[in-house]
Amino acid sequence: MNLRSATVADLPLILSFIQGLAEYEKLAHEVEATEAKLAATLFPIDGKAAAECVLAFDEGVPAGFAIFFSTYSTFLAKPGLYLEDLFVIPERRGRGIGKALILHVARLANERGCGRMEWSVLDWNTPAIEFYEGLGAKRMNEWTICRLSGASLDHFR
């Protein structure tokens, strides 16, 4: 297995992984990402990327990805990393690829002096929850995610 940072040439692959994840999560109807939008946010001309992407290859075959971005904890007064997406194609699951990706991001968090690494998981995704807890992750059941998007966010223009 090989992990590497994504490049602009990987945009079609990144988009295919996003679509695969959305299908798995039964959220394909919410995907608005395009190669152009991904290029503008992951590989912008000014160099200020909104997120980073790591790709996994298993026996030379594209197998999965992780997308993450920087956060900040006021309580810790330290940066953090938020794992936005972790996805391994179904036919390559169970081979340690997801674990390698998440541990890669965790190592980056340590190298960057982060105080925490966080992510969300759908409450029905028992295999993922068990996988994360097996790594030592703690579920933050007392916290509820709030979101403004679409028309609700546009209301404040």
Protein backbone atom coordinates (compact mmCIF):
# COMPACT_ATOMS: atom_id res chain seq x y z
CA MET A 1 0.00 0.00 0.00
CA ASN A 2 1.16 3.51 -0.82
CA LEU A 3 -0.10 6.86 0.51
CA ARG A 4 0.63 10.20 -1.11
CA SER A 5 -0.64 13.76 -1.20
CA ALA A 6 -3.07 14.44 -4.01
CA THR A 7 -2.18 16.70 -6.93
CA VAL A 8 -4.26 18.59 -9.48
CA ALA A 9 -3.94 15.60 -11.81
CA ASP A 10 -5.87 13.55 -9.22
CA LEU A 11 -9.04 15.66 -9.39
CA PRO A 12 -11.08 13.06 -11.34
CA LEU A 13 -10.09 10.39 -8.79
CA ILE A 14 -10.90 12.63 -5.82
CA LEU A 15 -14.32 13.43 -7.29
CA SER A 16 -15.01 9.73 -7.89
CA PHE A 17 -14.16 8.97 -4.24
CA ILE A 18 -16.45 11.78 -3.06
CA GLN A 19 -19.26 10.35 -5.20
CA GLY A 20 -18.57 6.85 -3.87
CA LEU A 21 -18.69 8.08 -0.27
CA ALA A 22 -21.91 9.97 -0.94
CA GLU A 23 -23.51 6.85 -2.41
CA TYR A 24 -22.45 4.79 0.63
CA GLU A 25 -23.89 7.42 2.97
CA LYS A 26 -27.09 7.65 0.90
CA LEU A 27 -26.33 11.33 0.23
CA ALA A 28 -25.49 11.30 -3.49
CA HIS A 29 -28.23 13.86 -4.12
CA GLU A 30 -26.27 16.39 -2.01
CA VAL A 31 -23.02 16.29 -4.00
CA GLU A 32 -22.37 19.61 -5.73
CA ALA A 33 -18.62 19.08 -6.08
CA THR A 34 -17.08 19.27 -9.53
CA GLU A 35 -13.48 19.02 -10.63
CA ALA A 36 -13.43 22.81 -11.09
CA LYS A 37 -14.78 23.47 -7.59
CA LEU A 38 -12.31 21.00 -6.09
CA ALA A 39 -9.44 22.59 -8.00
CA ALA A 40 -10.41 26.03 -6.68
CA THR A 41 -10.51 24.87 -3.06
CA LEU A 42 -7.88 22.11 -2.86
CA PHE A 43 -5.33 23.59 -5.29
CA PRO A 44 -6.08 27.34 -5.50
CA ILE A 45 -3.89 29.72 -7.46
CA ASP A 46 -3.07 31.71 -4.30
CA GLY A 47 -1.89 28.53 -2.56
CA LYS A 48 -4.30 28.89 0.37
CA ALA A 49 -6.04 25.52 0.18
CA ALA A 50 -9.22 25.01 2.19
CA ALA A 51 -8.28 21.37 2.81
CA GLU A 52 -5.71 18.71 2.04
CA CYS A 53 -6.17 15.30 0.43
CA VAL A 54 -4.20 12.09 0.88
CA LEU A 55 -4.73 9.21 -1.54
CA ALA A 56 -4.23 5.51 -0.87
CA PHE A 57 -3.17 2.99 -3.51
CA ASP A 58 -3.33 -0.75 -2.94
CA GLU A 59 -1.28 -2.86 -5.35
CA GLY A 60 -1.18 0.20 -7.61
CA VAL A 61 -4.98 0.51 -7.62
CA PRO A 62 -6.60 3.72 -6.29
CA ALA A 63 -8.21 2.52 -3.07
CA GLY A 64 -9.28 5.47 -0.93
CA PHE A 65 -8.73 8.95 0.35
CA ALA A 66 -8.79 11.23 3.36
CA ILE A 67 -9.63 14.93 3.21
CA PHE A 68 -8.82 17.07 6.23
CA PHE A 69 -8.36 20.71 7.23
CA SER A 70 -7.01 22.83 10.08
CA THR A 71 -9.15 23.87 13.04
CA TYR A 72 -8.41 25.66 16.28
CA SER A 73 -9.20 24.94 19.92
CA THR A 74 -9.49 27.98 22.17
CA PHE A 75 -9.53 25.75 25.26
CA LEU A 76 -6.21 24.14 24.28
CA ALA A 77 -4.85 27.22 22.48
CA LYS A 78 -3.64 24.81 19.84
CA PRO A 79 -4.46 23.97 16.24
CA GLY A 80 -6.33 20.82 15.36
CA LEU A 81 -7.14 18.74 12.33
CA TYR A 82 -10.67 17.89 11.22
CA LEU A 83 -11.07 14.77 9.12
CA GLU A 84 -13.82 15.72 6.69
CA ASP A 85 -13.90 12.49 4.71
CA LEU A 86 -12.37 9.04 4.95
CA PHE A 87 -13.33 6.57 2.25
CA VAL A 88 -12.08 3.23 0.98
CA ILE A 89 -13.68 1.64 -2.07
CA PRO A 90 -15.78 -1.39 -1.08
CA GLU A 91 -13.64 -3.98 -2.88
CA ARG A 92 -10.51 -2.82 -0.97
CA ARG A 93 -12.02 -2.65 2.53
CA GLY A 94 -10.69 -4.88 5.28
CA ARG A 95 -7.08 -4.52 4.11
CA GLY A 96 -5.94 -1.84 6.56
CA ILE A 97 -6.28 1.03 4.09
CA GLY A 98 -8.70 3.09 6.20
CA LYS A 99 -6.52 2.57 9.25
CA ALA A 100 -3.41 3.64 7.33
CA LEU A 101 -5.17 6.80 6.13
CA ILE A 102 -6.48 7.85 9.53
CA LEU A 103 -3.16 7.09 11.23
CA HIS A 104 -1.37 9.15 8.56
CA VAL A 105 -3.59 12.13 9.36
CA ALA A 106 -3.06 11.54 13.12
CA ARG A 107 0.71 11.58 12.59
CA LEU A 108 0.38 14.85 10.66
CA ALA A 109 -1.63 16.27 13.57
CA ASN A 110 1.19 15.35 15.94
CA GLU A 111 3.87 16.75 13.63
CA ARG A 112 1.95 20.03 13.38
CA GLY A 113 1.56 20.39 17.14
CA CYS A 114 -2.18 19.83 17.12
CA GLY A 115 -4.05 19.30 20.36
CA ARG A 116 -6.76 17.17 18.78
CA MET A 117 -8.08 15.50 15.69
CA GLU A 118 -11.81 15.25 15.19
CA TRP A 119 -14.39 13.97 12.73
CA SER A 120 -18.06 13.10 12.51
CA VAL A 121 -19.66 9.75 11.83
CA LEU A 122 -23.26 8.98 10.94
CA ASP A 123 -25.03 7.36 13.88
CA TRP A 124 -26.18 4.40 11.76
CA ASN A 125 -22.66 3.57 10.53
CA THR A 126 -21.88 0.91 13.13
CA PRO A 127 -18.83 -0.53 11.29
CA ALA A 128 -17.20 2.91 11.19
CA ILE A 129 -18.07 3.67 14.82
CA GLU A 130 -16.56 0.35 15.94
CA PHE A 131 -13.47 0.98 13.78
CA TYR A 132 -12.95 4.46 15.28
CA GLU A 133 -13.52 3.29 18.84
CA GLY A 134 -11.06 0.46 18.21
CA LEU A 135 -8.44 3.12 17.46
CA GLY A 136 -9.17 4.79 20.80
CA ALA A 137 -11.47 7.54 19.54
CA LYS A 138 -14.01 8.86 22.02
CA ARG A 139 -17.52 9.68 20.83
CA MET A 140 -18.64 13.14 21.91
CA ASN A 141 -22.30 12.27 22.49
CA GLU A 142 -22.94 15.41 24.51
CA TRP A 143 -22.21 17.62 21.48
CA THR A 144 -24.66 18.25 18.65
CA ILE A 145 -23.57 19.51 15.26
CA CYS A 146 -25.32 22.65 14.05
CA ARG A 147 -25.24 23.75 10.43
CA LEU A 148 -26.29 26.71 8.31
CA SER A 149 -26.25 25.90 4.61
CA GLY A 150 -28.10 26.59 1.39
CA ALA A 151 -30.98 29.04 1.78
CA SER A 152 -30.44 29.32 5.55
CA LEU A 153 -26.87 30.53 5.04
CA ASP A 154 -27.76 32.66 2.01
CA HIS A 155 -30.27 34.52 4.19
CA PHE A 156 -27.32 36.34 5.82
CA ARG A 157 -25.74 37.77 2.67
